[in-house]
Protein backbone atom coordinates (compact mmCIF):
# COMPACT_ATOMS: atom_id res chain seq x y z
CA UNK A 1 -80.21 155.87 -39.23
CA UNK A 2 -81.45 153.42 -41.87
CA UNK A 3 -83.67 150.39 -41.00
CA UNK A 4 -85.41 149.37 -44.27
CA UNK A 5 -86.52 146.00 -44.93
CA UNK A 6 -87.72 145.85 -48.26
CA UNK A 7 -90.80 143.44 -47.95
CA UNK A 8 -92.19 144.36 -44.60
CA UNK A 9 -93.73 147.62 -44.06
CA UNK A 10 -96.11 146.17 -41.29
CA UNK A 11 -93.27 144.87 -39.51
CA UNK A 12 -91.69 148.31 -38.88
CA UNK A 13 -92.43 148.55 -35.16
CA UNK A 14 -90.99 145.21 -34.52
CA UNK A 15 -87.59 146.11 -36.16
CA UNK A 16 -87.88 149.55 -34.59
CA UNK A 17 -87.60 147.72 -31.27
CA UNK A 18 -84.54 145.69 -32.45
CA UNK A 19 -82.84 148.88 -33.54
CA UNK A 20 -83.60 150.27 -30.14
CA UNK A 21 -81.83 147.57 -28.52
CA UNK A 22 -78.90 147.97 -30.64
CA UNK A 23 -78.68 151.40 -29.73
CA UNK A 24 -78.97 150.75 -25.87
CA UNK A 25 -76.26 148.18 -25.61
CA UNK A 26 -73.86 149.20 -28.27
CA UNK A 27 -73.73 152.93 -27.66
CA UNK A 28 -75.61 155.54 -29.45
CA UNK A 29 -78.40 158.07 -28.23
CA UNK A 30 -81.61 156.32 -27.42
CA UNK A 31 -84.63 156.28 -29.38
CA UNK A 32 -86.94 155.15 -26.64
CA UNK A 33 -86.96 152.95 -23.63
CA UNK A 34 -84.91 149.77 -24.08
CA UNK A 35 -87.12 147.05 -24.51
CA UNK A 36 -85.95 143.29 -24.75
CA UNK A 37 -89.00 141.36 -26.19
CA UNK A 38 -87.25 138.98 -28.50
CA UNK A 39 -84.01 136.66 -28.30
CA UNK A 40 -82.63 138.83 -30.84
CA UNK A 41 -82.89 141.90 -28.60
CA UNK A 42 -81.95 139.91 -25.63
CA UNK A 43 -78.67 138.55 -26.99
CA UNK A 44 -77.71 142.01 -28.34
CA UNK A 45 -78.16 143.45 -24.93
CA UNK A 46 -75.84 140.49 -23.48
CA UNK A 47 -72.92 141.66 -25.80
CA UNK A 48 -72.16 144.70 -23.15
CA UNK A 49 -72.26 148.28 -23.70
CA UNK A 50 -70.03 150.83 -25.46
CA UNK A 51 -69.19 153.37 -23.03
CA UNK A 52 -65.20 152.82 -23.58
CA UNK A 53 -65.41 154.03 -27.37
CA UNK A 54 -67.70 154.43 -30.41
CA UNK A 55 -68.94 151.03 -32.20
CA UNK A 56 -70.56 151.19 -35.44
CA UNK A 57 -72.43 148.50 -36.82
CA UNK A 58 -74.49 147.63 -40.10
CA UNK A 59 -76.03 144.25 -41.20
CA UNK A 60 -78.15 143.33 -44.18
CA UNK A 61 -79.91 140.14 -44.35
CA UNK A 62 -78.97 139.31 -48.16
CA UNK A 63 -82.31 137.13 -48.58
CA UNK A 64 -84.70 139.88 -47.34
CA UNK A 65 -82.84 143.14 -47.72
CA UNK A 66 -83.60 143.85 -43.90
CA UNK A 67 -80.97 146.13 -42.70
CA UNK A 68 -80.00 147.13 -38.93
CA UNK A 69 -77.52 149.17 -37.75
CA UNK A 70 -75.87 151.10 -34.87
CA UNK A 71 -74.50 154.38 -35.37
CA UNK A 72 -74.72 152.92 -39.12
CA UNK A 73 -74.55 156.72 -40.62
CA UNK A 74 -71.42 157.61 -38.48
CA UNK A 75 -68.14 157.73 -39.97
CA UNK A 76 -65.43 155.23 -38.63
CA UNK A 77 -61.76 154.72 -39.64
CA UNK A 78 -61.81 152.02 -42.68
CA UNK A 79 -58.17 151.09 -42.04
CA UNK A 80 -57.81 148.07 -44.20
CA UNK A 81 -61.22 147.18 -45.06
CA UNK A 82 -61.02 149.72 -47.76
CA UNK A 83 -58.78 147.34 -49.48
CA UNK A 84 -62.02 145.41 -50.79
CA UNK A 85 -62.67 148.82 -52.69
CA UNK A 86 -59.40 148.95 -54.04
CA UNK A 87 -59.61 145.29 -55.43
CA UNK A 88 -63.11 146.26 -56.97
CA UNK A 89 -61.61 149.20 -58.85
CA UNK A 90 -59.08 147.21 -60.35
CA UNK A 91 -61.13 144.49 -61.10
CA UNK A 92 -63.33 147.16 -63.16
CA UNK A 93 -60.18 147.90 -64.80
CA UNK A 94 -59.51 144.36 -65.86
CA UNK A 95 -62.96 144.14 -67.41
CA UNK A 96 -62.27 147.31 -69.14
CA UNK A 97 -59.03 145.61 -70.70
CA UNK A 98 -56.68 148.13 -69.03
CA UNK A 99 -54.58 145.15 -67.32
CA UNK A 100 -55.18 141.48 -66.53
CA UNK A 101 -54.75 139.39 -63.66
CA UNK A 102 -51.55 138.11 -65.25
CA UNK A 103 -50.18 141.69 -65.35
CA UNK A 104 -47.01 142.20 -63.23
CA UNK A 105 -46.27 145.28 -60.90
CA UNK A 106 -43.79 145.98 -58.03
CA UNK A 107 -44.66 145.81 -54.41
CA UNK A 108 -44.38 149.35 -52.97
CA UNK A 109 -42.06 149.38 -49.81
CA UNK A 110 -42.05 152.40 -47.56
CA UNK A 111 -39.01 154.17 -47.14
CA UNK A 112 -38.05 155.44 -43.58
CA UNK A 113 -39.61 159.03 -42.94
CA UNK A 114 -40.74 160.87 -39.92
CA UNK A 115 -44.51 161.34 -39.43
CA UNK A 116 -46.37 164.01 -41.27
CA UNK A 117 -42.94 165.15 -42.79
CA UNK A 118 -44.40 164.86 -46.40
CA UNK A 119 -47.85 164.87 -47.99
CA UNK A 120 -47.18 161.24 -49.07
CA UNK A 121 -44.90 158.86 -47.56
CA UNK A 122 -41.94 157.77 -49.73
CA UNK A 123 -41.79 154.28 -51.01
CA UNK A 124 -39.41 152.30 -53.00
CA UNK A 125 -40.38 149.34 -55.64
CA UNK A 126 -39.63 145.79 -54.56
CA UNK A 127 -40.37 142.38 -56.18
CA UNK A 128 -42.64 142.17 -58.84
CA UNK A 129 -46.05 139.83 -58.54
CA UNK A 130 -48.85 139.23 -60.59
CA UNK A 131 -51.97 141.04 -59.91
CA UNK A 132 -53.77 138.15 -58.90
CA UNK A 133 -51.04 137.52 -56.21
CA UNK A 134 -51.00 141.25 -55.29
CA UNK A 135 -54.83 140.74 -54.74
CA UNK A 136 -54.39 137.79 -52.65
CA UNK A 137 -51.75 138.98 -50.52
CA UNK A 138 -53.64 142.25 -49.77
CA UNK A 139 -56.77 140.79 -48.96
CA UNK A 140 -55.94 137.41 -47.17
CA UNK A 141 -52.72 138.82 -45.44
CA UNK A 142 -53.72 142.55 -45.46
CA UNK A 143 -50.33 143.04 -47.02
CA UNK A 144 -49.82 147.18 -47.47
CA UNK A 145 -47.10 146.68 -50.01
CA UNK A 146 -49.41 144.79 -52.15
CA UNK A 147 -52.29 147.05 -51.71
CA UNK A 148 -50.10 150.23 -52.56
CA UNK A 149 -49.09 148.61 -55.72
CA UNK A 150 -52.55 148.18 -56.89
CA UNK A 151 -53.50 151.69 -55.51
CA UNK A 152 -50.72 153.12 -57.71
CA UNK A 153 -51.85 151.29 -60.86
CA UNK A 154 -55.58 152.20 -60.77
CA UNK A 155 -54.75 156.03 -60.10
CA UNK A 156 -54.50 156.43 -56.37
CA UNK A 157 -57.24 157.32 -53.98
CA UNK A 158 -59.42 159.19 -56.04
CA UNK A 159 -59.78 156.54 -58.57
CA UNK A 160 -61.03 154.50 -55.88
CA UNK A 161 -63.37 157.10 -54.90
CA UNK A 162 -64.64 157.47 -58.22
CA UNK A 163 -65.58 153.76 -58.71
CA UNK A 164 -67.23 154.09 -55.40
CA UNK A 165 -69.07 157.25 -55.74
CA UNK A 166 -69.54 157.13 -59.63
CA UNK A 167 -70.28 153.17 -60.43
CA UNK A 168 -71.43 151.87 -57.09
CA UNK A 169 -73.28 154.98 -56.27
CA UNK A 170 -72.03 154.67 -52.46
CA UNK A 171 -71.74 157.94 -50.29
CA UNK A 172 -70.45 158.38 -46.97
CA UNK A 173 -67.18 157.18 -47.89
CA UNK A 174 -63.51 158.68 -48.57
CA UNK A 175 -60.44 157.27 -49.31
CA UNK A 176 -57.63 159.90 -48.97
CA UNK A 177 -54.40 158.58 -48.63
CA UNK A 178 -52.14 155.54 -49.70
CA UNK A 179 -51.56 152.77 -46.96
CA UNK A 180 -47.79 153.89 -46.48
CA UNK A 181 -49.12 157.25 -45.57
CA UNK A 182 -52.05 156.40 -43.44
CA UNK A 183 -49.61 153.95 -41.29
CA UNK A 184 -47.00 156.33 -41.12
CA UNK A 185 -49.08 159.06 -39.74
CA UNK A 186 -51.32 157.08 -37.83
CA UNK A 187 -52.23 157.90 -33.99
CA UNK A 188 -52.29 161.48 -34.19
CA UNK A 189 -55.99 161.23 -33.70
CA UNK A 190 -58.01 159.07 -30.99
CA UNK A 191 -61.08 157.50 -33.29
CA UNK A 192 -62.80 156.64 -29.86
CA UNK A 193 -63.30 160.41 -29.34
CA UNK A 194 -62.95 162.15 -32.65
CA UNK A 195 -64.47 161.45 -36.04
CA UNK A 196 -61.81 161.95 -38.83
CA UNK A 197 -63.66 161.70 -42.11
CA UNK A 198 -60.33 161.03 -43.82
CA UNK A 199 -59.93 157.33 -45.09
CA UNK A 200 -63.21 156.48 -43.41
CA UNK A 201 -66.80 155.13 -44.08
CA UNK A 202 -70.07 154.50 -42.47
CA UNK A 203 -71.02 150.90 -41.57
CA UNK A 204 -74.21 151.44 -43.93
CA UNK A 205 -71.72 152.49 -46.73
CA UNK A 206 -69.66 149.40 -46.11
CA UNK A 207 -72.56 147.06 -45.98
CA UNK A 208 -73.83 148.42 -49.25
CA UNK A 209 -70.53 147.77 -50.63
CA UNK A 210 -70.48 143.91 -49.83
CA UNK A 211 -74.27 143.58 -50.59
CA UNK A 212 -73.48 144.96 -54.17
CA UNK A 213 -70.37 142.95 -54.69
CA UNK A 214 -72.24 139.65 -53.37
CA UNK A 215 -75.01 140.28 -55.94
CA UNK A 216 -73.02 141.08 -58.63
CA UNK A 217 -74.30 144.45 -59.02
CA UNK A 218 -71.27 146.28 -60.53
CA UNK A 219 -68.78 143.39 -61.50
CA UNK A 220 -68.86 140.35 -63.40
CA UNK A 221 -69.10 136.97 -61.75
CA UNK A 222 -65.50 136.32 -62.45
CA UNK A 223 -64.34 139.54 -60.86
CA UNK A 224 -66.76 139.15 -57.88
CA UNK A 225 -65.33 135.54 -57.44
CA UNK A 226 -61.58 136.90 -57.15
CA UNK A 227 -62.38 139.30 -54.52
CA UNK A 228 -64.95 137.07 -52.30
CA UNK A 229 -62.82 133.88 -53.12
CA UNK A 230 -59.67 136.03 -51.45
CA UNK A 231 -61.91 137.27 -48.84
CA UNK A 232 -62.87 133.57 -48.13
CA UNK A 233 -59.23 132.77 -47.59
CA UNK A 234 -58.43 135.60 -45.32
CA UNK A 235 -55.68 134.75 -42.74
CA UNK A 236 -56.25 137.75 -40.32
CA UNK A 237 -59.17 138.31 -37.88
CA UNK A 238 -59.57 134.66 -36.60
CA UNK A 239 -60.81 136.34 -33.49
CA UNK A 240 -62.96 138.66 -34.88
CA UNK A 241 -66.33 137.72 -37.22
CA UNK A 242 -65.48 133.99 -37.47
CA UNK A 243 -64.55 133.41 -33.94
CA UNK A 244 -67.89 132.47 -32.59
CA UNK A 245 -69.68 131.29 -35.83
CA UNK A 246 -71.14 127.67 -35.49
CA UNK A 247 -69.43 124.88 -37.46
CA UNK A 248 -70.30 124.89 -41.20
CA UNK A 249 -70.78 128.69 -41.34
CA UNK A 250 -68.72 130.25 -44.24
CA UNK A 251 -67.11 133.90 -43.65
CA UNK A 252 -65.81 135.66 -46.33
CA UNK A 253 -64.07 138.83 -44.69
CA UNK A 254 -61.63 141.74 -44.73
CA UNK A 255 -60.29 143.06 -41.36
CA UNK A 256 -58.95 146.57 -40.50
CA UNK A 257 -56.78 147.65 -37.56
CA UNK A 258 -55.29 151.34 -36.73
CA UNK A 259 -54.58 153.22 -33.51
CA UNK A 260 -57.26 152.40 -31.11
CA UNK A 261 -59.55 150.83 -33.76
CA UNK A 262 -60.38 147.13 -34.80
CA UNK A 263 -62.81 146.45 -37.57
CA UNK A 264 -64.13 143.36 -39.61
CA UNK A 265 -66.58 143.34 -42.54
CA UNK A 266 -67.87 140.62 -44.80
CA UNK A 267 -70.18 137.93 -45.79
CA UNK A 268 -71.48 135.53 -43.70
CA UNK A 269 -73.00 132.23 -45.33
CA UNK A 270 -75.00 129.56 -43.24
CA UNK A 271 -74.88 125.80 -43.48
CA UNK A 272 -78.56 126.19 -45.12
CA UNK A 273 -77.68 128.85 -47.93
CA UNK A 274 -78.72 131.85 -46.30
CA UNK A 275 -76.26 135.14 -46.27
CA UNK A 276 -75.84 138.29 -44.63
CA UNK A 277 -73.14 141.28 -45.04
CA UNK A 278 -72.02 142.67 -41.85
CA UNK A 279 -69.64 145.58 -41.16
CA UNK A 280 -68.55 146.18 -37.64
CA UNK A 281 -66.18 149.08 -36.35
CA UNK A 282 -65.06 149.34 -32.82
CA UNK A 283 -62.95 151.75 -31.10
CA UNK A 284 -61.50 152.09 -27.78
CA UNK A 285 -62.71 149.34 -24.95
CA UNK A 286 -59.22 149.20 -23.71
CA UNK A 287 -57.16 146.77 -25.82
CA UNK A 288 -57.05 145.29 -29.13
CA UNK A 289 -58.28 141.92 -28.01
CA UNK A 290 -61.26 143.60 -26.22
CA UNK A 291 -62.33 144.96 -29.55
CA UNK A 292 -61.76 141.99 -31.41
CA UNK A 293 -63.92 139.98 -28.68
CA UNK A 294 -66.44 142.90 -29.12
CA UNK A 295 -66.53 142.30 -32.77
CA UNK A 296 -67.14 138.52 -32.29
CA UNK A 297 -70.10 138.87 -29.81
CA UNK A 298 -71.60 141.45 -32.31
CA UNK A 299 -71.05 139.11 -35.31
CA UNK A 300 -72.76 136.12 -33.32
CA UNK A 301 -75.62 138.35 -32.29
CA UNK A 302 -76.42 139.55 -35.46
CA UNK A 303 -76.14 135.66 -36.83
CA UNK A 304 -78.53 134.46 -34.18
CA UNK A 305 -80.62 137.05 -34.41
CA UNK A 306 -81.35 136.94 -38.29
CA UNK A 307 -81.85 133.27 -38.01
CA UNK A 308 -84.07 133.31 -35.09
CA UNK A 309 -86.44 135.81 -36.05
CA UNK A 310 -86.58 134.94 -39.74
CA UNK A 311 -89.45 132.97 -39.53
CA UNK A 312 -91.86 135.49 -37.62
CA UNK A 313 -90.27 138.41 -39.99
CA UNK A 314 -91.38 136.55 -43.14
CA UNK A 315 -94.74 135.87 -41.88
CA UNK A 316 -95.38 139.90 -40.99
CA UNK A 317 -93.85 140.58 -44.35
CA UNK A 318 -96.27 138.31 -46.27
CA UNK A 319 -99.28 140.03 -44.63
């Protein structure tokens, strides 16, 4: 697991305690006896334990680089959170002159087929939409037909993987199927019990992608704004990361849902201008509402923890 504040070598012991608290309350092997010596740790301890399924969390304070994770290097189903990378791959093509946001492409609508009956689920073309509208539908409403339209344009899952690996330099990531196939064949594996590396990423990998996008590391400002702008208008997941955030907080996020797994990843911006990236993947927990509640609790715990510990953290770092 990673715990790598970029400015705070002297604070390693303190941050290690926070990471241990994450481990003990959210479900991974313990590094040592649980200690709750800070408000951050106590809040995390109160969000409940994860005995009913795997939970993965990674968060990055975008001002300091401080990173904290729970099972951050373990694979979880990306579900629709992969759509951020599909959008980024498409926008990279726009910058290269391959197509534009006004280019029109057809929605790809699934044709009924039995699970696992074909390697790739059959689809048919639907109405044409501009690329800008396809991105908006894909991100704000998690429209699978729009997603597969753009995925076909960029060259399929391997093209997205190429961008993620070669341009973004992110590992522990794999997109293997289009959304029609992923949804059709969903349910054969319980992600709370089994790690399936197909169509999966680690929370740390997703947090790295969010951080790079926010910081404009791989795309021009206009391209970045298309993606983050759509994420700020996300219509799904109101019971997830945004649910427990204070007034004035802006959440730009993308949800994911499949059999026995729910997720939410995004950028949280505070009223005073701070920001952090967070990726939360929850499996099991008995029901989708329970998973969503856990996501909301974890997101608020991370938000409060970063804010309440920031002053002491920065003082330690300056020494």
